[in-house]
N, C-alpha and C. Protein backbone atom coordinates (compact mmCIF):
# COMPACT_ATOMS: atom_id res chain seq x y z
N MET A 1 -36.87 37.78 31.81
CA MET A 1 -35.49 37.72 31.35
C MET A 1 -34.49 36.48 32.02
N ALA A 2 -34.96 36.19 33.27
CA ALA A 2 -34.19 34.79 33.63
C ALA A 2 -34.94 33.66 33.09
N LEU A 3 -36.19 33.82 32.61
CA LEU A 3 -36.69 32.58 31.73
C LEU A 3 -36.07 32.47 30.46
N LYS A 4 -35.79 33.58 29.98
CA LYS A 4 -35.19 33.78 28.65
C LYS A 4 -33.82 33.07 28.52
N LYS A 5 -33.04 33.45 29.64
CA LYS A 5 -31.70 33.04 29.97
C LYS A 5 -31.56 31.54 30.02
N ARG A 6 -32.57 31.04 30.83
CA ARG A 6 -32.39 29.57 30.99
C ARG A 6 -32.88 28.92 29.70
N SER A 7 -33.91 29.21 28.91
CA SER A 7 -34.18 28.80 27.53
C SER A 7 -32.84 28.67 26.73
N LEU A 8 -32.27 29.66 26.83
CA LEU A 8 -30.91 30.03 25.82
C LEU A 8 -29.98 28.99 26.38
N PHE A 9 -29.86 28.78 27.67
CA PHE A 9 -28.91 27.99 28.23
C PHE A 9 -29.20 26.59 27.90
N ARG A 10 -30.44 26.13 27.96
CA ARG A 10 -30.99 24.76 27.52
C ARG A 10 -30.83 24.49 26.03
N LEU A 11 -30.94 25.60 25.28
CA LEU A 11 -30.60 25.30 23.88
C LEU A 11 -29.27 25.16 23.40
N ALA A 12 -28.26 25.87 24.12
CA ALA A 12 -27.00 25.77 23.79
C ALA A 12 -26.60 24.42 24.50
N LEU A 13 -26.94 24.04 25.67
CA LEU A 13 -26.82 22.63 26.11
C LEU A 13 -27.08 21.63 25.07
N LEU A 14 -28.41 21.78 24.61
CA LEU A 14 -28.78 20.71 23.50
C LEU A 14 -27.88 20.69 22.40
N ILE A 15 -27.66 21.78 21.95
CA ILE A 15 -26.47 22.01 20.73
C ILE A 15 -25.28 21.17 20.97
N PHE A 16 -24.56 21.49 22.18
CA PHE A 16 -23.43 21.16 22.55
C PHE A 16 -23.44 19.59 22.47
N PHE A 17 -24.60 18.88 23.13
CA PHE A 17 -24.71 17.47 23.17
C PHE A 17 -24.98 16.98 21.67
N LEU A 18 -25.61 17.80 21.00
CA LEU A 18 -25.84 17.02 19.75
C LEU A 18 -24.63 16.96 18.67
N ALA A 19 -23.81 18.08 18.89
CA ALA A 19 -22.52 18.32 18.23
C ALA A 19 -21.75 17.34 18.65
N LEU A 20 -21.66 16.94 20.16
CA LEU A 20 -20.70 15.91 20.67
C LEU A 20 -21.18 14.59 20.13
N THR A 21 -22.51 14.37 20.22
CA THR A 21 -22.95 13.17 19.57
C THR A 21 -22.53 12.83 18.06
N ILE A 22 -22.72 13.81 17.33
CA ILE A 22 -22.36 13.69 15.87
C ILE A 22 -20.86 13.51 15.83
N TYR A 23 -20.18 14.03 16.78
CA TYR A 23 -18.73 14.12 16.74
C TYR A 23 -18.35 12.51 16.94
N VAL A 24 -18.73 12.09 17.96
CA VAL A 24 -18.21 10.65 18.57
C VAL A 24 -18.66 9.70 17.40
N PHE A 25 -20.04 9.88 16.80
CA PHE A 25 -20.55 8.75 16.05
C PHE A 25 -19.63 8.85 14.48
N ALA A 26 -19.44 10.13 14.20
CA ALA A 26 -18.76 10.43 12.95
C ALA A 26 -17.50 9.84 12.93
N ALA A 27 -16.76 9.93 14.04
CA ALA A 27 -15.38 9.54 14.14
C ALA A 27 -15.33 8.07 14.20
N ASP A 28 -16.30 7.49 14.66
CA ASP A 28 -16.32 5.94 14.75
C ASP A 28 -16.61 5.44 13.17
N ILE A 29 -17.61 6.07 12.65
CA ILE A 29 -17.79 5.65 11.00
C ILE A 29 -16.54 5.88 10.29
N LEU A 30 -15.83 6.91 10.41
CA LEU A 30 -14.70 7.29 9.70
C LEU A 30 -13.51 6.47 9.85
N THR A 31 -13.49 5.79 11.31
CA THR A 31 -12.34 5.02 11.52
C THR A 31 -12.66 3.61 10.85
N LYS A 32 -13.77 3.35 10.86
CA LYS A 32 -14.16 2.13 10.22
C LYS A 32 -13.94 2.13 8.70
N ILE A 33 -14.18 3.34 8.01
CA ILE A 33 -13.99 3.48 6.74
C ILE A 33 -12.39 3.40 6.51
N GLY A 34 -11.65 3.87 7.29
CA GLY A 34 -9.99 3.66 7.23
C GLY A 34 -9.69 2.32 7.51
N ASN A 35 -10.29 1.55 8.59
CA ASN A 35 -9.95 0.35 8.70
C ASN A 35 -10.04 -0.71 7.87
N TYR A 36 -11.50 -0.34 6.96
CA TYR A 36 -11.58 -1.41 5.93
C TYR A 36 -10.56 -1.61 4.91
N LEU A 37 -9.84 -0.48 4.71
CA LEU A 37 -8.91 -0.68 3.61
C LEU A 37 -7.52 -1.55 4.08
N VAL A 38 -7.35 -1.78 5.37
CA VAL A 38 -6.04 -2.40 5.77
C VAL A 38 -6.43 -3.74 5.96
N ILE A 39 -5.48 -4.61 5.38
CA ILE A 39 -5.33 -5.93 5.60
C ILE A 39 -3.82 -6.16 6.06
N ASP A 40 -3.71 -7.02 7.31
CA ASP A 40 -2.51 -7.28 7.59
C ASP A 40 -2.67 -8.91 8.27
N GLU A 41 -2.15 -9.72 7.30
CA GLU A 41 -2.34 -11.20 7.68
C GLU A 41 -0.85 -11.44 8.43
N THR A 42 -1.22 -12.71 9.11
CA THR A 42 0.07 -13.47 9.74
C THR A 42 0.90 -14.08 8.62
N PRO A 43 2.09 -13.81 8.31
CA PRO A 43 2.71 -14.30 7.38
C PRO A 43 3.15 -15.91 7.69
N MET A 44 3.41 -16.54 6.58
CA MET A 44 4.02 -17.84 6.63
C MET A 44 5.20 -17.93 5.98
N HIS A 45 6.19 -18.87 6.15
CA HIS A 45 7.33 -18.95 5.47
C HIS A 45 6.98 -18.96 4.01
N SER A 46 7.79 -18.15 3.17
CA SER A 46 7.36 -18.19 1.76
C SER A 46 8.43 -18.04 0.92
N ASP A 47 8.27 -18.30 -0.56
CA ASP A 47 9.21 -18.12 -1.44
C ASP A 47 10.01 -16.81 -1.47
N ALA A 48 9.06 -15.79 -1.49
CA ALA A 48 9.82 -14.61 -1.55
C ALA A 48 8.78 -13.53 -0.90
N VAL A 49 9.43 -12.10 -0.48
CA VAL A 49 8.49 -11.10 -0.07
C VAL A 49 8.59 -10.16 -1.32
N VAL A 50 7.30 -9.84 -1.77
CA VAL A 50 7.45 -9.02 -3.07
C VAL A 50 6.90 -7.57 -2.39
N VAL A 51 7.78 -6.54 -2.69
CA VAL A 51 7.62 -5.10 -2.35
C VAL A 51 6.87 -4.47 -3.60
N LEU A 52 5.47 -4.03 -3.26
CA LEU A 52 4.87 -3.54 -4.44
C LEU A 52 5.47 -2.00 -4.49
N ASN A 53 5.45 -1.55 -6.00
CA ASN A 53 6.06 -0.20 -6.30
C ASN A 53 5.10 0.59 -6.56
N THR A 54 3.79 0.48 -6.86
CA THR A 54 2.85 1.52 -7.34
C THR A 54 2.09 2.04 -6.00
N GLY A 55 1.99 3.31 -6.11
CA GLY A 55 1.43 4.12 -4.90
C GLY A 55 2.41 4.91 -4.14
N VAL A 56 2.16 5.33 -3.05
CA VAL A 56 3.01 6.12 -2.15
C VAL A 56 3.52 5.60 -1.23
N GLU A 57 4.39 6.17 -0.35
CA GLU A 57 5.32 5.57 0.80
C GLU A 57 5.84 4.49 0.48
N TYR A 58 6.79 4.35 -0.51
CA TYR A 58 7.52 3.16 -0.85
C TYR A 58 8.53 2.63 0.42
N TYR A 59 9.34 3.60 0.84
CA TYR A 59 10.35 3.17 1.73
C TYR A 59 9.85 2.43 2.97
N PRO A 60 8.74 2.55 3.53
CA PRO A 60 8.21 1.99 4.46
C PRO A 60 8.10 0.25 4.30
N ARG A 61 7.66 0.07 2.92
CA ARG A 61 7.42 -1.30 2.37
C ARG A 61 8.90 -1.97 2.32
N LEU A 62 9.93 -1.35 1.95
CA LEU A 62 11.29 -1.85 1.78
C LEU A 62 11.72 -2.21 3.37
N ILE A 63 11.37 -1.31 4.25
CA ILE A 63 11.56 -1.67 5.80
C ILE A 63 10.88 -2.89 6.17
N GLU A 64 9.70 -3.07 5.73
CA GLU A 64 8.78 -4.19 6.15
C GLU A 64 9.37 -5.49 5.60
N ALA A 65 9.82 -5.32 4.31
CA ALA A 65 10.39 -6.51 3.62
C ALA A 65 11.61 -7.04 4.31
N ALA A 66 12.37 -6.03 4.55
CA ALA A 66 13.54 -6.42 5.37
C ALA A 66 13.47 -7.21 6.75
N ARG A 67 12.49 -6.66 7.33
CA ARG A 67 11.94 -7.17 8.55
C ARG A 67 11.55 -8.65 8.41
N LEU A 68 10.69 -8.96 7.50
CA LEU A 68 10.43 -10.23 7.18
C LEU A 68 11.41 -10.94 6.80
N TYR A 69 12.55 -10.65 6.00
CA TYR A 69 13.62 -11.40 5.74
C TYR A 69 14.54 -11.64 6.77
N LYS A 70 14.67 -10.77 7.77
CA LYS A 70 15.54 -11.07 8.97
C LYS A 70 14.84 -11.70 10.07
N ASP A 71 13.46 -11.83 10.00
CA ASP A 71 12.72 -12.85 10.80
C ASP A 71 12.54 -14.37 10.54
N GLY A 72 13.04 -14.25 9.15
CA GLY A 72 13.16 -15.83 8.56
C GLY A 72 11.81 -16.18 7.89
N PHE A 73 11.07 -15.24 7.51
CA PHE A 73 9.82 -15.52 6.89
C PHE A 73 10.20 -16.01 5.22
N THR A 74 11.40 -15.62 4.84
CA THR A 74 11.74 -15.73 3.44
C THR A 74 13.53 -15.76 3.12
N GLU A 75 13.90 -15.93 2.11
CA GLU A 75 15.29 -16.03 1.72
C GLU A 75 15.30 -15.03 0.49
N LYS A 76 14.28 -14.49 0.09
CA LYS A 76 14.29 -13.78 -1.25
C LYS A 76 13.53 -12.37 -1.07
N ILE A 77 13.85 -11.42 -1.54
CA ILE A 77 13.01 -10.15 -1.66
C ILE A 77 12.98 -9.84 -3.16
N VAL A 78 11.73 -9.65 -3.62
CA VAL A 78 11.51 -9.12 -5.10
C VAL A 78 11.22 -7.79 -5.02
N ILE A 79 11.77 -6.95 -5.89
CA ILE A 79 11.36 -5.57 -6.12
C ILE A 79 11.20 -5.21 -7.55
N ASN A 80 10.41 -4.35 -7.86
CA ASN A 80 10.29 -3.96 -9.26
C ASN A 80 9.97 -2.37 -9.69
N GLY A 81 10.39 -2.08 -10.64
CA GLY A 81 10.36 -0.67 -11.14
C GLY A 81 10.77 -0.55 -12.40
N ASN A 82 11.50 0.76 -12.76
CA ASN A 82 12.09 0.93 -13.96
C ASN A 82 10.86 1.56 -14.98
N ARG A 83 9.95 2.15 -14.42
CA ARG A 83 8.74 2.64 -15.20
C ARG A 83 9.33 3.52 -16.30
N LYS A 84 8.64 3.35 -17.51
CA LYS A 84 9.08 4.35 -18.69
C LYS A 84 7.80 4.99 -19.28
N THR A 85 7.91 6.19 -19.29
CA THR A 85 6.91 7.15 -20.09
C THR A 85 7.29 7.30 -21.51
N ASP A 86 6.36 7.42 -22.42
CA ASP A 86 6.78 7.99 -23.69
C ASP A 86 7.77 9.12 -23.71
N ALA A 87 7.77 10.06 -22.80
CA ALA A 87 8.72 11.14 -22.75
C ALA A 87 10.14 10.76 -22.30
N LEU A 88 10.14 9.89 -21.54
CA LEU A 88 11.26 9.22 -21.06
C LEU A 88 12.18 8.50 -22.15
N ARG A 89 11.29 7.80 -22.75
CA ARG A 89 11.87 6.80 -24.05
C ARG A 89 12.39 7.85 -25.09
N ARG A 90 11.76 8.98 -25.30
CA ARG A 90 12.06 9.96 -26.47
C ARG A 90 13.62 10.61 -25.72
N LEU A 91 13.73 10.86 -24.62
CA LEU A 91 14.74 11.42 -24.05
C LEU A 91 16.05 10.41 -24.07
N GLU A 92 15.56 9.24 -23.94
CA GLU A 92 16.67 8.16 -24.00
C GLU A 92 17.19 7.85 -25.36
N ALA A 93 16.12 7.98 -26.24
CA ALA A 93 16.50 8.11 -27.81
C ALA A 93 17.53 9.12 -28.13
N GLN A 94 17.47 10.21 -27.34
CA GLN A 94 18.28 11.55 -27.61
C GLN A 94 19.67 11.26 -26.82
N GLY A 95 19.90 10.16 -26.11
CA GLY A 95 21.13 9.94 -25.55
C GLY A 95 21.16 9.88 -23.96
N PHE A 96 20.14 10.15 -23.44
CA PHE A 96 20.00 10.41 -22.15
C PHE A 96 20.25 8.83 -21.40
N ARG A 97 21.15 8.96 -20.14
CA ARG A 97 21.35 7.63 -19.43
C ARG A 97 21.26 7.95 -17.98
N PRO A 98 20.47 7.32 -17.34
CA PRO A 98 20.44 7.48 -15.63
C PRO A 98 22.10 7.25 -15.12
N CYS A 99 22.07 7.91 -14.17
CA CYS A 99 23.44 7.89 -13.45
C CYS A 99 23.82 6.44 -12.71
N CYS A 100 22.72 5.83 -12.55
CA CYS A 100 23.01 4.45 -12.01
C CYS A 100 21.73 3.35 -12.44
N GLU A 101 21.89 2.02 -12.02
CA GLU A 101 20.59 1.39 -12.45
C GLU A 101 19.39 1.56 -11.59
N TRP A 102 18.30 1.37 -12.16
CA TRP A 102 17.02 1.87 -11.44
C TRP A 102 16.86 1.26 -9.98
N ASP A 103 17.38 -0.03 -9.71
CA ASP A 103 17.23 -0.60 -8.36
C ASP A 103 18.12 -0.52 -7.37
N GLU A 104 19.59 0.30 -7.69
CA GLU A 104 20.63 0.30 -7.08
C GLU A 104 20.44 0.92 -5.75
N ASP A 105 19.66 1.94 -5.51
CA ASP A 105 19.40 2.53 -4.27
C ASP A 105 18.41 1.67 -3.50
N ARG A 106 17.36 0.97 -4.05
CA ARG A 106 16.75 0.12 -3.16
C ARG A 106 17.36 -1.15 -2.61
N ILE A 107 18.35 -1.67 -3.62
CA ILE A 107 19.33 -2.82 -2.97
C ILE A 107 20.07 -2.20 -1.75
N ARG A 108 20.55 -1.12 -1.94
CA ARG A 108 21.41 -0.46 -1.02
C ARG A 108 20.83 -0.39 0.33
N ILE A 109 19.44 0.16 0.24
CA ILE A 109 18.58 0.37 1.45
C ILE A 109 18.45 -1.00 2.08
N LEU A 110 18.11 -1.92 1.30
CA LEU A 110 17.87 -3.17 1.94
C LEU A 110 19.08 -3.71 2.37
N GLY A 111 20.16 -3.59 2.01
CA GLY A 111 21.56 -4.02 2.45
C GLY A 111 21.92 -3.30 3.73
N LEU A 112 21.48 -2.01 3.94
CA LEU A 112 21.58 -1.42 5.19
C LEU A 112 20.99 -2.03 6.30
N MET A 113 19.76 -2.75 5.89
CA MET A 113 19.01 -3.47 6.82
C MET A 113 19.32 -4.79 6.88
N GLY A 114 20.40 -5.27 6.41
CA GLY A 114 20.84 -6.78 6.44
C GLY A 114 20.57 -7.65 5.41
N VAL A 115 19.78 -7.24 4.19
CA VAL A 115 19.63 -8.13 3.22
C VAL A 115 20.66 -8.28 2.36
N LEU A 116 20.99 -9.57 2.15
CA LEU A 116 22.17 -9.49 1.11
C LEU A 116 21.97 -9.26 -0.48
N ARG A 117 22.71 -8.65 -1.16
CA ARG A 117 22.51 -8.32 -2.48
C ARG A 117 21.90 -9.45 -3.37
N LYS A 118 22.62 -10.80 -2.94
CA LYS A 118 22.30 -11.75 -3.94
C LYS A 118 20.84 -12.36 -3.65
N ASP A 119 20.20 -11.75 -2.49
CA ASP A 119 18.88 -12.07 -2.23
C ASP A 119 17.87 -11.37 -2.70
N VAL A 120 18.37 -10.35 -3.43
CA VAL A 120 17.20 -9.38 -4.08
C VAL A 120 17.03 -9.75 -5.51
N ILE A 121 15.72 -9.79 -5.85
CA ILE A 121 15.48 -10.16 -7.24
C ILE A 121 14.85 -8.77 -7.70
N SER A 122 15.44 -8.27 -8.73
CA SER A 122 14.74 -7.12 -9.56
C SER A 122 14.15 -7.25 -10.79
N ILE A 123 12.89 -6.93 -10.95
CA ILE A 123 12.21 -7.13 -12.05
C ILE A 123 11.80 -5.74 -12.69
N SER A 124 12.47 -5.57 -13.96
CA SER A 124 12.23 -4.43 -14.59
C SER A 124 10.90 -4.30 -15.41
N ALA A 125 9.94 -3.50 -15.04
CA ALA A 125 8.76 -3.48 -15.39
C ALA A 125 8.52 -1.96 -16.03
N GLU A 126 8.87 -1.82 -17.16
CA GLU A 126 8.78 -0.69 -18.00
C GLU A 126 7.39 -0.16 -18.21
N ASP A 127 6.46 -1.13 -18.47
CA ASP A 127 5.19 -0.60 -18.91
C ASP A 127 3.91 -0.65 -17.80
N VAL A 128 4.59 -0.99 -16.71
CA VAL A 128 3.56 -1.02 -15.62
C VAL A 128 3.16 0.51 -15.19
N TYR A 129 1.65 0.57 -14.86
CA TYR A 129 1.33 2.02 -14.52
C TYR A 129 0.17 1.75 -13.32
N ASP A 130 -0.11 0.87 -12.96
CA ASP A 130 -0.95 0.65 -11.88
C ASP A 130 -0.96 -0.55 -11.02
N THR A 131 -1.85 -0.83 -10.09
CA THR A 131 -1.60 -2.14 -9.31
C THR A 131 -2.12 -3.47 -10.00
N ILE A 132 -2.87 -3.33 -11.14
CA ILE A 132 -3.26 -4.34 -11.83
C ILE A 132 -2.30 -4.77 -12.80
N THR A 133 -1.63 -3.85 -13.56
CA THR A 133 -0.54 -4.36 -14.47
C THR A 133 0.76 -4.69 -13.65
N GLU A 134 1.01 -4.07 -12.52
CA GLU A 134 1.95 -4.63 -11.59
C GLU A 134 1.83 -6.12 -11.39
N ALA A 135 0.75 -6.59 -10.91
CA ALA A 135 0.41 -7.72 -10.33
C ALA A 135 0.56 -8.57 -11.63
N GLU A 136 0.11 -8.32 -12.81
CA GLU A 136 0.01 -9.09 -14.06
C GLU A 136 1.59 -9.56 -14.32
N THR A 137 2.32 -8.43 -14.20
CA THR A 137 3.60 -8.37 -14.70
C THR A 137 4.63 -9.42 -13.59
N VAL A 138 4.47 -8.89 -12.42
CA VAL A 138 5.28 -9.44 -11.50
C VAL A 138 4.99 -10.84 -11.13
N GLY A 139 3.52 -11.17 -11.00
CA GLY A 139 3.06 -12.52 -10.61
C GLY A 139 3.24 -13.32 -11.55
N GLU A 140 3.03 -12.98 -13.03
CA GLU A 140 3.51 -13.87 -14.17
C GLU A 140 5.13 -14.42 -14.02
N PHE A 141 5.64 -13.29 -13.94
CA PHE A 141 7.37 -13.63 -13.57
C PHE A 141 7.43 -14.72 -12.64
N LEU A 142 6.81 -14.27 -11.41
CA LEU A 142 7.15 -15.34 -10.13
C LEU A 142 6.67 -16.56 -10.47
N PHE A 143 5.30 -16.69 -11.02
CA PHE A 143 4.76 -18.12 -11.43
C PHE A 143 5.81 -18.89 -12.39
N LYS A 144 6.02 -18.23 -13.40
CA LYS A 144 6.89 -18.84 -14.44
C LYS A 144 8.25 -19.30 -13.81
N LYS A 145 8.73 -18.76 -12.84
CA LYS A 145 9.98 -19.09 -12.32
C LYS A 145 9.62 -20.08 -11.06
N GLY A 146 8.57 -20.58 -10.87
CA GLY A 146 8.20 -21.65 -9.99
C GLY A 146 7.80 -21.40 -8.55
N PHE A 147 7.71 -19.89 -8.28
CA PHE A 147 7.29 -19.58 -7.05
C PHE A 147 5.82 -20.19 -6.69
N LYS A 148 5.52 -20.57 -5.51
CA LYS A 148 4.38 -21.02 -5.14
C LYS A 148 3.75 -20.11 -4.11
N LYS A 149 4.47 -19.79 -3.19
CA LYS A 149 4.07 -18.81 -1.97
C LYS A 149 4.73 -17.79 -1.86
N ILE A 150 4.01 -16.65 -1.68
CA ILE A 150 4.64 -15.26 -1.54
C ILE A 150 3.85 -14.31 -0.48
N ILE A 151 4.71 -13.57 0.08
CA ILE A 151 4.31 -12.47 0.82
C ILE A 151 4.32 -11.05 0.17
N ILE A 152 3.32 -10.11 0.09
CA ILE A 152 3.25 -8.99 -0.42
C ILE A 152 3.17 -8.11 0.54
N THR A 153 4.06 -7.10 0.46
CA THR A 153 4.10 -5.91 1.54
C THR A 153 3.74 -4.58 0.67
N THR A 154 2.96 -3.86 1.17
CA THR A 154 2.50 -2.62 0.69
C THR A 154 2.14 -1.65 1.77
N SER A 155 1.54 -0.48 1.43
CA SER A 155 1.00 0.62 2.31
C SER A 155 -0.19 -0.06 2.98
N LYS A 156 -0.43 0.22 4.23
CA LYS A 156 -1.75 -0.11 4.89
C LYS A 156 -2.97 0.33 3.97
N PHE A 157 -3.14 1.54 3.68
CA PHE A 157 -4.51 1.84 2.90
C PHE A 157 -4.58 1.17 1.53
N HIS A 158 -3.33 0.53 1.11
CA HIS A 158 -3.44 -0.14 -0.47
C HIS A 158 -3.47 -1.58 -0.21
N SER A 159 -3.54 -2.04 0.98
CA SER A 159 -3.50 -3.50 1.32
C SER A 159 -4.76 -4.32 0.71
N ARG A 160 -5.99 -3.80 1.23
CA ARG A 160 -7.06 -4.62 0.72
C ARG A 160 -7.10 -4.64 -0.80
N ARG A 161 -7.01 -3.63 -1.48
CA ARG A 161 -7.25 -3.65 -3.04
C ARG A 161 -6.16 -4.45 -3.57
N SER A 162 -4.89 -4.53 -3.17
CA SER A 162 -3.84 -5.37 -3.55
C SER A 162 -4.22 -6.86 -3.18
N HIS A 163 -4.75 -7.19 -2.12
CA HIS A 163 -5.18 -8.46 -1.89
C HIS A 163 -6.18 -8.96 -2.87
N LEU A 164 -7.24 -8.15 -3.03
CA LEU A 164 -8.24 -8.28 -4.03
C LEU A 164 -7.73 -8.55 -5.51
N ILE A 165 -6.79 -7.91 -5.87
CA ILE A 165 -6.25 -7.88 -7.41
C ILE A 165 -5.51 -9.32 -7.44
N TRP A 166 -4.68 -9.42 -6.56
CA TRP A 166 -3.69 -10.50 -6.58
C TRP A 166 -4.42 -11.88 -6.27
N SER A 167 -5.51 -11.85 -5.48
CA SER A 167 -6.32 -12.94 -5.34
C SER A 167 -7.06 -13.45 -6.62
N ASP A 168 -7.60 -12.50 -7.14
CA ASP A 168 -8.56 -12.55 -8.42
C ASP A 168 -7.44 -12.99 -9.53
N LEU A 169 -6.46 -12.59 -9.73
CA LEU A 169 -5.64 -12.93 -10.80
C LEU A 169 -4.89 -14.22 -10.74
N PHE A 170 -4.62 -14.63 -9.52
CA PHE A 170 -3.58 -15.98 -9.30
C PHE A 170 -4.45 -16.93 -8.55
N GLN A 171 -5.47 -16.78 -7.89
CA GLN A 171 -6.13 -17.71 -7.17
C GLN A 171 -5.34 -19.09 -6.80
N ASP A 172 -5.52 -20.22 -7.55
CA ASP A 172 -5.08 -21.36 -7.11
C ASP A 172 -3.40 -21.44 -7.68
N ARG A 173 -2.91 -20.24 -8.43
CA ARG A 173 -1.62 -20.49 -8.89
C ARG A 173 -0.56 -20.27 -7.83
N LEU A 174 -1.07 -18.93 -7.08
CA LEU A 174 -0.09 -18.43 -6.03
C LEU A 174 -0.76 -18.40 -4.63
N THR A 175 -0.33 -18.80 -3.57
CA THR A 175 -0.65 -18.37 -2.21
C THR A 175 -0.04 -17.04 -1.90
N VAL A 176 -0.78 -16.08 -1.41
CA VAL A 176 -0.48 -14.84 -1.08
C VAL A 176 -0.92 -14.36 0.24
N TYR A 177 0.05 -13.87 0.85
CA TYR A 177 -0.29 -13.21 2.21
C TYR A 177 0.10 -11.73 2.04
N ILE A 178 -0.82 -10.80 2.41
CA ILE A 178 -0.65 -9.55 2.62
C ILE A 178 -0.19 -9.07 3.90
N VAL A 179 0.97 -8.36 3.94
CA VAL A 179 1.51 -7.77 5.12
C VAL A 179 1.74 -6.26 5.04
N SER A 180 0.76 -5.44 5.86
CA SER A 180 1.02 -4.00 5.72
C SER A 180 2.32 -3.53 6.38
N ALA A 181 2.98 -2.48 5.72
CA ALA A 181 4.07 -2.13 6.27
C ALA A 181 3.94 -1.23 7.59
N LYS A 182 4.50 -1.71 8.63
CA LYS A 182 4.24 -1.39 10.05
C LYS A 182 4.68 0.29 10.21
N ALA A 183 5.78 0.81 9.31
CA ALA A 183 6.24 2.02 9.43
C ALA A 183 5.34 3.14 8.36
N ASP A 184 4.38 2.52 7.66
CA ASP A 184 3.63 3.32 6.87
C ASP A 184 2.83 4.45 7.76
N PRO A 185 2.65 5.62 7.45
CA PRO A 185 2.06 6.52 8.21
C PRO A 185 0.67 6.64 8.23
N PHE A 186 0.03 5.82 7.54
CA PHE A 186 -1.50 5.97 7.34
C PHE A 186 -2.06 5.59 8.82
N GLU A 187 -3.11 6.46 9.34
CA GLU A 187 -3.55 6.06 10.59
C GLU A 187 -5.12 5.94 10.46
N PRO A 188 -5.80 4.70 10.51
CA PRO A 188 -7.25 4.62 10.46
C PRO A 188 -8.18 5.42 11.42
N LYS A 189 -7.53 5.66 12.49
CA LYS A 189 -8.22 6.28 13.67
C LYS A 189 -8.24 7.71 13.40
N GLY A 190 -7.55 8.24 12.56
CA GLY A 190 -7.48 9.83 12.50
C GLY A 190 -7.14 10.42 11.00
N TRP A 191 -7.45 9.48 10.06
CA TRP A 191 -6.92 9.95 8.64
C TRP A 191 -7.57 11.04 8.16
N TRP A 192 -8.78 11.36 8.59
CA TRP A 192 -9.59 12.66 8.29
C TRP A 192 -9.05 14.02 8.63
N LYS A 193 -7.86 13.84 9.59
CA LYS A 193 -7.34 15.19 10.26
C LYS A 193 -6.01 15.60 9.48
N GLU A 194 -5.82 14.81 8.37
CA GLU A 194 -4.52 15.12 7.57
C GLU A 194 -4.64 15.19 6.30
N GLY A 195 -4.58 16.08 5.37
CA GLY A 195 -4.71 16.44 3.98
C GLY A 195 -4.42 15.15 3.14
N ARG A 196 -2.85 14.73 3.23
CA ARG A 196 -2.51 13.70 2.54
C ARG A 196 -3.34 12.19 2.71
N GLN A 197 -3.51 12.23 4.01
CA GLN A 197 -4.45 10.82 4.25
C GLN A 197 -5.70 10.91 3.70
N ILE A 198 -6.28 12.10 3.84
CA ILE A 198 -7.68 12.10 3.11
C ILE A 198 -7.65 11.79 1.68
N ARG A 199 -6.52 12.41 0.89
CA ARG A 199 -6.27 11.91 -0.43
C ARG A 199 -6.13 10.60 -0.64
N TRP A 200 -5.40 9.90 0.05
CA TRP A 200 -5.08 8.44 0.09
C TRP A 200 -6.46 7.77 0.12
N VAL A 201 -7.15 8.09 1.15
CA VAL A 201 -8.54 7.29 1.33
C VAL A 201 -9.45 7.60 0.14
N LEU A 202 -9.69 8.72 -0.33
CA LEU A 202 -10.47 9.11 -1.52
C LEU A 202 -10.34 8.28 -2.79
N ALA A 203 -8.76 8.33 -2.92
CA ALA A 203 -8.16 7.71 -4.21
C ALA A 203 -8.36 6.25 -4.11
N GLU A 204 -8.04 5.60 -3.16
CA GLU A 204 -8.33 4.34 -2.89
C GLU A 204 -9.69 3.72 -3.04
N TYR A 205 -10.56 4.37 -2.41
CA TYR A 205 -11.96 4.11 -2.66
C TYR A 205 -12.63 4.25 -3.97
N GLY A 206 -12.01 5.24 -4.69
CA GLY A 206 -12.29 5.55 -6.15
C GLY A 206 -11.70 4.29 -6.91
N ALA A 207 -10.42 3.74 -6.39
CA ALA A 207 -9.87 2.86 -7.38
C ALA A 207 -10.55 1.51 -7.07
N LEU A 208 -11.04 1.18 -5.96
CA LEU A 208 -11.71 0.16 -5.49
C LEU A 208 -13.16 0.04 -6.24
N LEU A 209 -13.94 1.15 -6.36
CA LEU A 209 -14.95 1.27 -6.98
C LEU A 209 -15.10 0.83 -8.60
N TYR A 210 -13.79 1.47 -9.08
CA TYR A 210 -13.50 1.30 -10.58
C TYR A 210 -13.34 -0.14 -10.78
N TYR A 211 -12.42 -0.87 -9.95
CA TYR A 211 -12.06 -2.23 -10.04
C TYR A 211 -13.43 -2.97 -9.96
N TRP A 212 -14.23 -2.87 -9.16
CA TRP A 212 -15.44 -3.66 -8.94
C TRP A 212 -16.39 -3.45 -10.06
N TRP A 213 -16.39 -2.14 -10.59
CA TRP A 213 -17.28 -1.97 -11.65
C TRP A 213 -16.61 -2.59 -12.96
N ARG A 214 -15.36 -2.68 -13.11
CA ARG A 214 -14.79 -2.96 -14.10
C ARG A 214 -14.91 -4.69 -14.20
N ASN A 215 -15.09 -5.31 -13.01
CA ASN A 215 -15.06 -6.83 -12.79
C ASN A 215 -16.35 -7.29 -12.69
């Protein structure tokens, strides 16, 4: 009986250490998976900070843009929006009108953080539906206006794909720095512990795979 108990104890101990080893290494691997998505470059003084609109967790991006503005990295902040679906256009044709301009709340939030209204450039991008079409629309607008160097701020988990897309599209035409929003809630060291962050990571890797496949 004593021999059997010792054998069971050793088995339980082995299982414990195996489980602990798997957990430690799994956490390390999962952290690397999260970290890969994040790019946070050192910004240089630029013509504008561009706040990306596609994706989730938009307000931390506005906060980051305001910080960069106040720290002297730019004199202009570029926002875009005013997306329109076919259903919304049908409603507008029936007489629907929004209560205020699409950019008003964003300008007011930036103003709350010290950004002058005159320093905000609003781009109406009605037909934009993803990061690629956003980059095409906003980037071409800025290039035609003579912008040469920009800082892009977006969510942490969205930063690598944004960097890839903007670099591919504009290469020598625009110098682009990617700065992740510091207030963004994505946590590379523990993203697998929260449902919404799991969705972000899975969706982002899916989008990356699609982009690589398409190109």
